[in-house]
Amino acid sequence: MKNNSKQKFLWGVVNIGQQTEGSNKNSNWDSWARRGQVPCIGCANNYWGTYKKYHNLVDEIGCNSLRITIEWSRIEPVEGQFDIKAIQQYKNILKDLRKRRVTTVVGLWHWSVPMWFEQKYGMHNSQAVKLFLRFVAHVRDELGDLIDYVVVLNEPSVYVGTSYVHGIRPPFYKNYFRALKTAYNLLCIHKKTYILWKKKFPRTQVGSTFLCNDESGRDNSVVQKMYIFVKRFLQNEYMIHAVCNTSDYIGINYYTSNQFYFGKSGGRLGWHGTNDWHSPDVWKTFARGLYRVLIHVKKYHKPIIILENGKPTNLGIDDKDRQELLQEMISYMQKAINEGVDIIGYFHYSLCDSYEWDSGYNFKFGLVEINRKTGKLIKRKSFFLYKEIIKNNT
């Protein structure tokens, strides 16, 4: 893959902590799961205890990078008390990746938080920034020399929308005032984490990643264009603008396209999207949308990393739909590069099937299938296709 930067191109996969580590009783998501408010997590993929077998898969595919997260709830299970054993386990994980010459791309916040933090404070609280930075400083001091890229925030606007506006995910608030405070705190966290990390590790690349799906109007009317403009601004634009000067790169999570129209649907008059998000076919034919998003984000004049891209499948091992989409996505990414977009990495979501938040284990995004009864790992055909793409670097 020929990019426009002096940096090597990052070919990676995604393996997020809360979704794969398992058995993390101190996280808010585990706590809500035990109450039956979100799907049961259990041992997930047991990445925490068997990380080497997943790193072997990364090696086999030929990836030169892996995106993981460091779970705040493991590092600080009790307020003000840091877990030495958890730090050591993350150190073991990162050292194993270094030994394999795999670039470490490490997230610090991917929606989950310690339960003590959620119960006593919450991301909307005036103390949230200070408390999170204490965790960041500890991770930086203990593990910073093993981390190549820091992903401070993952899809902050999605968190604000689902957890504080619509109230369908932990902490299940429906409060616009708290939503605004949460958005403000998250932006402060990004900016202050950047400064904090750079003081000790100036060469580490620090940024955040945003969900940037391709959105348009069905009939392209002026009203629809205005609606899309406002929606895009509220979802991502203002946040990317706010953190751009304290970012070494901009992370993009892209999945699909959607068309909006004003009318009546499901008995409700208003704005509606044409996609059914519960159907795997939603992700099937929208590769060109990635190209449009990349051209749009080019205006920020920052290197871009596609930190999540993929689709779920119902087709088992012979996942023809994902193979087709993967080829198209890479093709449109190369087209954007040829037109001057500075893309420095592509991370497929995900390495293995994993816990998909309020959808539980229903959506299967993995290049590798996991038998939930036996734990057996089964490589899908998309695994070998991605391996071939990386090998040919195209």
Protein backbone atom coordinates (compact mmCIF):
# COMPACT_ATOMS: atom_id res chain seq x y z
CA MET A 1 0.00 0.00 0.00
CA LYS A 2 1.58 3.24 -1.13
CA ASN A 3 0.69 6.12 1.17
CA ASN A 4 1.78 9.74 1.20
CA SER A 5 3.66 9.63 4.50
CA LYS A 6 7.16 8.64 5.55
CA GLN A 7 5.62 6.38 8.20
CA LYS A 8 5.25 2.68 7.46
CA PHE A 9 1.72 1.64 6.58
CA LEU A 10 -0.04 -0.02 9.50
CA TRP A 11 -1.92 -3.20 8.63
CA GLY A 12 -3.85 -4.19 11.74
CA VAL A 13 -6.78 -5.83 13.43
CA VAL A 14 -8.87 -4.78 16.43
CA ASN A 15 -9.13 -6.56 19.77
CA ILE A 16 -10.86 -4.30 22.33
CA GLY A 17 -10.46 -5.01 26.06
CA GLN A 18 -14.03 -4.95 27.39
CA GLN A 19 -15.20 -6.98 24.40
CA THR A 20 -12.52 -9.69 24.49
CA GLU A 21 -10.69 -9.87 27.84
CA GLY A 22 -13.57 -11.30 29.88
CA SER A 23 -14.19 -11.72 33.61
CA ASN A 24 -13.65 -8.09 34.57
CA LYS A 25 -15.94 -7.79 37.59
CA ASN A 26 -14.89 -4.20 38.32
CA SER A 27 -16.13 -2.67 35.06
CA ASN A 28 -19.48 -0.94 34.80
CA TRP A 29 -20.50 -3.09 31.81
CA ASP A 30 -19.89 -6.29 33.77
CA SER A 31 -21.84 -4.88 36.67
CA TRP A 32 -24.84 -3.97 34.47
CA ALA A 33 -24.60 -7.40 32.81
CA ARG A 34 -24.86 -9.11 36.20
CA ARG A 35 -28.05 -7.12 36.80
CA GLY A 36 -29.44 -8.22 33.45
CA GLN A 37 -29.49 -4.68 32.03
CA VAL A 38 -27.08 -5.58 29.19
CA PRO A 39 -26.25 -8.98 27.67
CA CYS A 40 -24.07 -11.33 29.71
CA ILE A 41 -20.34 -10.97 29.05
CA GLY A 42 -18.83 -13.91 30.95
CA CYS A 43 -15.30 -14.87 29.97
CA ALA A 44 -15.72 -13.33 26.49
CA ASN A 45 -12.70 -14.49 24.43
CA ASN A 46 -10.49 -14.82 27.51
CA TYR A 47 -7.88 -12.62 25.85
CA TRP A 48 -6.77 -11.63 29.36
CA GLY A 49 -5.66 -15.14 30.20
CA THR A 50 -4.74 -16.55 26.76
CA TYR A 51 -3.43 -13.53 24.83
CA LYS A 52 -0.59 -15.43 23.14
CA LYS A 53 -2.92 -17.58 21.04
CA TYR A 54 -4.54 -14.41 19.69
CA HIS A 55 -1.14 -12.85 19.04
CA ASN A 56 -0.28 -16.00 17.09
CA LEU A 57 -3.25 -15.23 14.83
CA VAL A 58 -1.97 -11.66 14.34
CA ASP A 59 1.37 -13.14 13.29
CA GLU A 60 -0.26 -15.62 10.95
CA ILE A 61 -2.27 -12.94 9.16
CA GLY A 62 0.89 -10.88 8.78
CA CYS A 63 -0.37 -7.78 10.60
CA ASN A 64 2.32 -5.36 11.72
CA SER A 65 0.03 -3.76 14.31
CA LEU A 66 -2.70 -4.60 16.81
CA ARG A 67 -5.24 -2.29 18.42
CA ILE A 68 -6.08 -3.15 22.02
CA THR A 69 -7.26 -1.18 25.07
CA ILE A 70 -6.10 -0.77 28.63
CA GLU A 71 -9.13 -1.08 30.88
CA TRP A 72 -9.30 1.60 33.56
CA SER A 73 -11.38 -0.76 35.72
CA ARG A 74 -8.52 -3.26 35.83
CA ILE A 75 -5.82 -0.70 36.54
CA GLU A 76 -7.79 1.13 39.27
CA PRO A 77 -10.41 -1.35 40.55
CA VAL A 78 -10.92 0.70 43.72
CA GLU A 79 -10.75 4.49 43.79
CA GLY A 80 -7.16 5.58 44.36
CA GLN A 81 -5.77 2.02 44.43
CA PHE A 82 -3.78 0.72 41.45
CA ASP A 83 -3.53 -3.01 40.78
CA ILE A 84 0.11 -4.06 40.37
CA LYS A 85 -0.87 -7.46 38.92
CA ALA A 86 -3.05 -5.87 36.25
CA ILE A 87 -0.23 -3.52 35.25
CA GLN A 88 2.11 -6.50 35.01
CA GLN A 89 -0.34 -8.45 32.84
CA TYR A 90 -0.71 -5.53 30.42
CA LYS A 91 3.07 -5.26 30.43
CA ASN A 92 3.29 -8.94 29.49
CA ILE A 93 0.79 -8.42 26.67
CA LEU A 94 2.63 -5.40 25.27
CA LYS A 95 6.06 -7.04 25.61
CA ASP A 96 4.82 -10.09 23.74
CA LEU A 97 3.66 -7.85 20.89
CA ARG A 98 6.99 -6.00 20.88
CA LYS A 99 8.82 -9.31 20.73
CA ARG A 100 6.81 -10.12 17.61
CA ARG A 101 7.61 -6.66 16.16
CA VAL A 102 3.96 -5.71 16.22
CA THR A 103 3.21 -1.99 16.57
CA THR A 104 1.15 -1.39 19.69
CA VAL A 105 -1.93 0.81 19.18
CA VAL A 106 -3.46 1.23 22.61
CA GLY A 107 -6.80 2.77 23.57
CA LEU A 108 -7.37 4.38 26.97
CA TRP A 109 -11.17 4.82 26.89
CA HIS A 110 -13.57 2.66 24.93
CA TRP A 111 -16.85 3.45 26.76
CA SER A 112 -16.33 1.18 29.79
CA VAL A 113 -15.25 2.66 33.15
CA PRO A 114 -14.77 1.36 36.71
CA MET A 115 -18.07 0.81 38.51
CA TRP A 116 -16.92 2.94 41.46
CA PHE A 117 -16.41 5.84 39.04
CA GLU A 118 -19.84 5.47 37.48
CA GLN A 119 -21.61 5.14 40.83
CA LYS A 120 -19.86 8.03 42.58
CA TYR A 121 -19.04 10.38 39.68
CA GLY A 122 -19.85 9.58 36.05
CA MET A 123 -18.29 11.08 32.93
CA HIS A 124 -20.49 14.17 33.33
CA ASN A 125 -19.08 14.96 36.77
CA SER A 126 -16.76 17.92 37.37
CA GLN A 127 -14.17 15.50 38.84
CA ALA A 128 -14.17 13.18 35.81
CA VAL A 129 -11.27 14.80 33.95
CA LYS A 130 -8.98 14.86 36.98
CA LEU A 131 -9.76 11.25 37.88
CA PHE A 132 -9.23 9.99 34.35
CA LEU A 133 -5.93 11.87 34.01
CA ARG A 134 -4.69 10.21 37.20
CA PHE A 135 -5.28 6.85 35.50
CA VAL A 136 -3.59 8.11 32.30
CA ALA A 137 -0.52 9.29 34.20
CA HIS A 138 -0.18 5.90 35.88
CA VAL A 139 -0.49 4.01 32.58
CA ARG A 140 1.99 6.36 30.90
CA ASP A 141 4.57 5.96 33.67
CA GLU A 142 4.23 2.19 33.91
CA LEU A 143 3.61 1.18 30.29
CA GLY A 144 4.35 4.19 28.08
CA ASP A 145 7.66 2.85 26.78
CA LEU A 146 5.77 -0.14 25.27
CA ILE A 147 3.09 1.90 23.50
CA ASP A 148 3.59 3.24 19.97
CA TYR A 149 0.18 4.85 19.31
CA VAL A 150 -2.29 6.13 21.88
CA VAL A 151 -6.01 6.20 21.08
CA VAL A 152 -7.36 8.49 23.80
CA LEU A 153 -11.08 8.30 22.95
CA ASN A 154 -13.18 5.92 20.91
CA GLU A 155 -16.31 7.34 19.24
CA PRO A 156 -17.08 9.91 21.95
CA SER A 157 -20.20 11.18 20.17
CA VAL A 158 -21.65 7.65 20.08
CA TYR A 159 -21.17 7.37 23.85
CA VAL A 160 -22.78 10.75 24.49
CA GLY A 161 -25.72 9.86 22.25
CA THR A 162 -26.41 6.33 23.45
CA SER A 163 -25.61 6.78 27.14
CA TYR A 164 -26.73 10.34 27.88
CA VAL A 165 -29.22 11.40 25.19
CA HIS A 166 -31.13 8.22 24.30
CA GLY A 167 -30.25 6.40 27.53
CA ILE A 168 -30.02 2.94 25.99
CA ARG A 169 -26.53 2.08 27.30
CA PRO A 170 -24.78 2.48 30.66
CA PRO A 171 -25.22 4.67 32.64
CA PHE A 172 -28.72 4.91 31.05
CA TYR A 173 -29.25 8.65 31.43
CA LYS A 174 -31.62 10.78 29.37
CA ASN A 175 -30.33 14.19 30.30
CA TYR A 176 -29.27 16.82 27.74
CA PHE A 177 -27.45 18.92 30.32
CA ARG A 178 -25.36 15.96 31.46
CA ALA A 179 -24.79 15.03 27.82
CA LEU A 180 -23.26 18.45 27.16
CA LYS A 181 -21.08 18.21 30.27
CA THR A 182 -19.94 14.74 29.21
CA ALA A 183 -18.98 15.93 25.73
CA TYR A 184 -17.05 18.83 27.24
CA ASN A 185 -15.22 16.55 29.69
CA LEU A 186 -14.27 14.08 26.97
CA LEU A 187 -12.76 16.84 24.83
CA CYS A 188 -10.81 18.07 27.87
CA ILE A 189 -9.60 14.52 28.49
CA HIS A 190 -8.28 14.25 24.94
CA LYS A 191 -6.43 17.59 25.04
CA LYS A 192 -4.92 17.08 28.49
CA THR A 193 -3.96 13.46 27.80
CA TYR A 194 -2.11 14.62 24.68
CA ILE A 195 -0.09 17.16 26.66
CA LEU A 196 0.52 14.76 29.55
CA TRP A 197 1.72 11.94 27.32
CA LYS A 198 3.92 14.12 25.13
CA LYS A 199 5.82 15.48 28.14
CA LYS A 200 7.37 12.07 28.73
CA PHE A 201 7.06 10.35 25.34
CA PRO A 202 7.15 13.06 22.64
CA ARG A 203 7.55 10.54 19.82
CA THR A 204 4.43 8.53 20.66
CA GLN A 205 1.61 9.27 18.24
CA VAL A 206 -1.49 10.43 20.12
CA GLY A 207 -5.01 10.90 18.76
CA SER A 208 -8.64 9.78 19.06
CA THR A 209 -11.00 7.98 16.71
CA PHE A 210 -14.49 8.94 15.53
CA LEU A 211 -17.39 7.09 13.92
CA CYS A 212 -17.64 8.65 10.46
CA ASN A 213 -20.28 6.82 8.48
CA ASP A 214 -21.31 8.17 5.07
CA GLU A 215 -24.66 9.94 5.24
CA SER A 216 -26.76 11.52 2.53
CA GLY A 217 -30.34 12.55 1.66
CA ARG A 218 -32.51 10.23 -0.40
CA ASP A 219 -33.81 12.96 -2.70
CA ASN A 220 -30.89 15.41 -2.22
CA SER A 221 -33.21 18.32 -1.39
CA VAL A 222 -31.96 21.51 0.29
CA VAL A 223 -33.78 20.58 3.50
CA GLN A 224 -32.14 17.17 3.55
CA LYS A 225 -28.72 18.67 2.88
CA MET A 226 -29.19 21.03 5.82
CA TYR A 227 -30.31 18.15 8.04
CA ILE A 228 -27.27 16.07 7.09
CA PHE A 229 -24.95 19.05 7.65
CA VAL A 230 -26.31 19.67 11.16
CA LYS A 231 -26.33 15.95 12.01
CA ARG A 232 -22.74 15.52 10.85
CA PHE A 233 -21.65 18.60 12.81
CA LEU A 234 -23.29 17.44 16.03
CA GLN A 235 -22.00 13.89 15.68
CA ASN A 236 -18.36 14.51 14.75
CA GLU A 237 -17.33 17.76 13.15
CA TYR A 238 -17.25 19.92 16.27
CA MET A 239 -15.31 17.27 18.18
CA ILE A 240 -12.71 16.73 15.45
CA HIS A 241 -12.28 20.51 15.14
CA ALA A 242 -11.84 20.78 18.92
CA VAL A 243 -9.06 18.16 19.18
CA CYS A 244 -7.33 18.67 15.83
CA ASN A 245 -4.52 20.84 17.21
CA THR A 246 -3.73 18.27 19.90
CA SER A 247 -3.74 15.24 17.59
CA ASP A 248 -0.93 13.58 15.67
CA TYR A 249 -3.48 11.72 13.57
CA ILE A 250 -7.25 11.43 13.15
CA GLY A 251 -8.78 8.01 13.63
CA ILE A 252 -11.75 7.00 11.50
CA ASN A 253 -14.18 4.20 12.30
CA TYR A 254 -16.21 3.52 9.16
CA TYR A 255 -18.89 0.89 8.68
CA THR A 256 -21.68 1.87 6.34
CA SER A 257 -23.73 4.51 4.54
CA ASN A 258 -27.22 5.68 5.32
CA GLN A 259 -29.78 7.81 3.51
CA PHE A 260 -32.16 10.06 5.39
CA TYR A 261 -35.64 11.27 4.50
CA PHE A 262 -38.46 13.14 6.19
CA GLY A 263 -41.71 11.25 6.37
CA LYS A 264 -43.71 8.69 8.26
CA SER A 265 -42.19 5.39 9.34
CA GLY A 266 -43.32 3.04 12.08
CA GLY A 267 -46.18 5.39 12.86
CA ARG A 268 -43.80 8.29 13.58
CA LEU A 269 -43.51 11.43 11.47
CA GLY A 270 -39.96 12.80 11.32
CA TRP A 271 -36.46 12.08 10.02
CA HIS A 272 -35.70 8.44 9.28
CA GLY A 273 -32.78 6.45 7.92
CA THR A 274 -33.26 3.81 5.25
CA ASN A 275 -30.99 1.22 6.89
CA ASP A 276 -32.02 -1.62 9.19
CA TRP A 277 -29.07 -1.68 11.61
CA HIS A 278 -30.01 -5.13 12.90
CA SER A 279 -29.44 -6.75 9.51
CA PRO A 280 -25.89 -7.84 8.52
CA ASP A 281 -26.74 -6.87 4.93
CA VAL A 282 -26.68 -3.18 5.96
CA TRP A 283 -22.90 -3.35 5.63
CA LYS A 284 -22.91 -5.14 2.28
CA THR A 285 -22.62 -2.60 -0.52
CA PHE A 286 -21.35 0.68 0.86
CA ALA A 287 -17.61 0.57 0.30
CA ARG A 288 -17.68 3.76 -1.78
CA GLY A 289 -18.87 5.62 1.30
CA LEU A 290 -15.43 5.09 2.85
CA TYR A 291 -13.86 6.97 -0.04
CA ARG A 292 -16.27 9.89 0.42
CA VAL A 293 -15.53 10.03 4.16
CA LEU A 294 -11.76 9.99 3.58
CA ILE A 295 -11.96 12.80 1.03
CA HIS A 296 -14.03 14.81 3.52
CA VAL A 297 -11.63 14.27 6.44
CA LYS A 298 -8.66 15.24 4.27
CA LYS A 299 -9.50 18.91 5.04
CA TYR A 300 -8.05 18.58 8.56
CA HIS A 301 -4.53 18.10 7.11
CA LYS A 302 -3.67 15.29 9.51
CA PRO A 303 -2.57 11.71 8.84
CA ILE A 304 -5.60 9.40 8.93
CA ILE A 305 -5.78 5.91 10.40
CA ILE A 306 -8.81 3.77 9.65
CA LEU A 307 -9.02 2.27 13.13
CA GLU A 308 -12.19 0.23 12.57
CA ASN A 309 -13.79 -1.13 9.43
CA GLY A 310 -15.70 -4.33 8.88
CA LYS A 311 -19.10 -6.02 8.77
CA PRO A 312 -20.92 -8.82 10.55
CA THR A 313 -21.79 -11.98 8.67
CA ASN A 314 -24.31 -14.80 8.95
CA LEU A 315 -22.57 -16.94 6.35
CA GLY A 316 -20.26 -18.94 8.63
CA ILE A 317 -16.75 -19.79 7.46
CA ASP A 318 -17.26 -19.01 3.78
CA ASP A 319 -18.11 -15.34 4.44
CA LYS A 320 -18.40 -14.21 0.84
CA ASP A 321 -20.10 -10.96 1.82
CA ARG A 322 -17.17 -9.88 4.00
CA GLN A 323 -14.58 -10.97 1.44
CA GLU A 324 -16.28 -8.87 -1.22
CA LEU A 325 -16.57 -5.85 1.06
CA LEU A 326 -12.97 -6.12 2.24
CA GLN A 327 -11.63 -6.05 -1.32
CA GLU A 328 -13.82 -3.07 -2.18
CA MET A 329 -12.83 -1.15 0.96
CA ILE A 330 -9.12 -1.58 0.28
CA SER A 331 -9.65 -0.52 -3.34
CA TYR A 332 -11.45 2.68 -2.34
CA MET A 333 -8.83 3.38 0.32
CA GLN A 334 -6.12 3.16 -2.34
CA LYS A 335 -8.17 5.47 -4.57
CA ALA A 336 -8.26 8.07 -1.77
CA ILE A 337 -4.50 7.71 -1.26
CA ASN A 338 -3.94 8.21 -4.99
CA GLU A 339 -5.91 11.46 -4.68
CA GLY A 340 -3.69 12.82 -1.93
CA VAL A 341 -5.33 11.63 1.27
CA ASP A 342 -2.62 10.84 3.84
CA ILE A 343 -3.75 7.45 5.13
CA ILE A 344 -1.18 5.67 7.29
CA GLY A 345 -3.10 2.60 8.48
CA TYR A 346 -6.04 0.24 8.11
CA PHE A 347 -7.40 -1.87 10.99
CA HIS A 348 -9.98 -4.52 10.25
CA TYR A 349 -12.72 -4.98 12.81
CA SER A 350 -12.27 -7.46 14.22
CA LEU A 351 -9.71 -10.19 14.80
CA CYS A 352 -12.27 -12.57 16.34
CA ASP A 353 -15.97 -12.57 17.05
CA SER A 354 -16.45 -10.68 20.31
CA TYR A 355 -18.93 -9.09 22.70
CA GLU A 356 -20.84 -6.42 20.78
CA TRP A 357 -22.12 -4.28 23.65
CA ASP A 358 -25.94 -4.23 23.82
CA SER A 359 -26.07 -6.79 20.98
CA GLY A 360 -24.17 -9.37 23.03
CA TYR A 361 -22.60 -12.09 20.89
CA ASN A 362 -25.20 -11.91 18.11
CA PHE A 363 -23.11 -9.94 15.58
CA LYS A 364 -20.13 -11.85 14.17
CA PHE A 365 -17.50 -9.39 12.95
CA GLY A 366 -14.46 -11.65 13.34
CA LEU A 367 -12.00 -12.85 10.75
CA VAL A 368 -11.92 -15.78 13.17
CA GLU A 369 -15.05 -17.48 14.48
CA ILE A 370 -15.21 -18.58 18.11
CA ASN A 371 -17.28 -21.57 19.16
CA ARG A 372 -18.80 -20.24 22.41
CA LYS A 373 -19.31 -23.75 23.80
CA THR A 374 -15.84 -25.18 23.15
CA GLY A 375 -13.71 -22.05 22.68
CA LYS A 376 -12.40 -23.43 19.40
CA LEU A 377 -11.04 -20.82 16.95
CA ILE A 378 -12.05 -21.29 13.31
CA LYS A 379 -10.51 -19.09 10.60
CA ARG A 380 -12.98 -17.72 8.09
CA LYS A 381 -12.05 -17.31 4.43
CA SER A 382 -11.80 -13.55 4.98
CA PHE A 383 -8.87 -14.31 7.32
CA PHE A 384 -6.89 -15.74 4.42
CA LEU A 385 -8.01 -12.99 2.05
CA TYR A 386 -6.77 -10.29 4.44
CA LYS A 387 -3.54 -12.23 4.83
CA GLU A 388 -3.08 -12.14 1.04
CA ILE A 389 -3.89 -8.42 0.87
CA ILE A 390 -1.27 -7.65 3.53
CA LYS A 391 1.30 -9.92 1.89
CA ASN A 392 0.87 -8.07 -1.42
CA ASN A 393 0.58 -4.72 0.38
CA THR A 394 -2.31 -3.79 -1.90
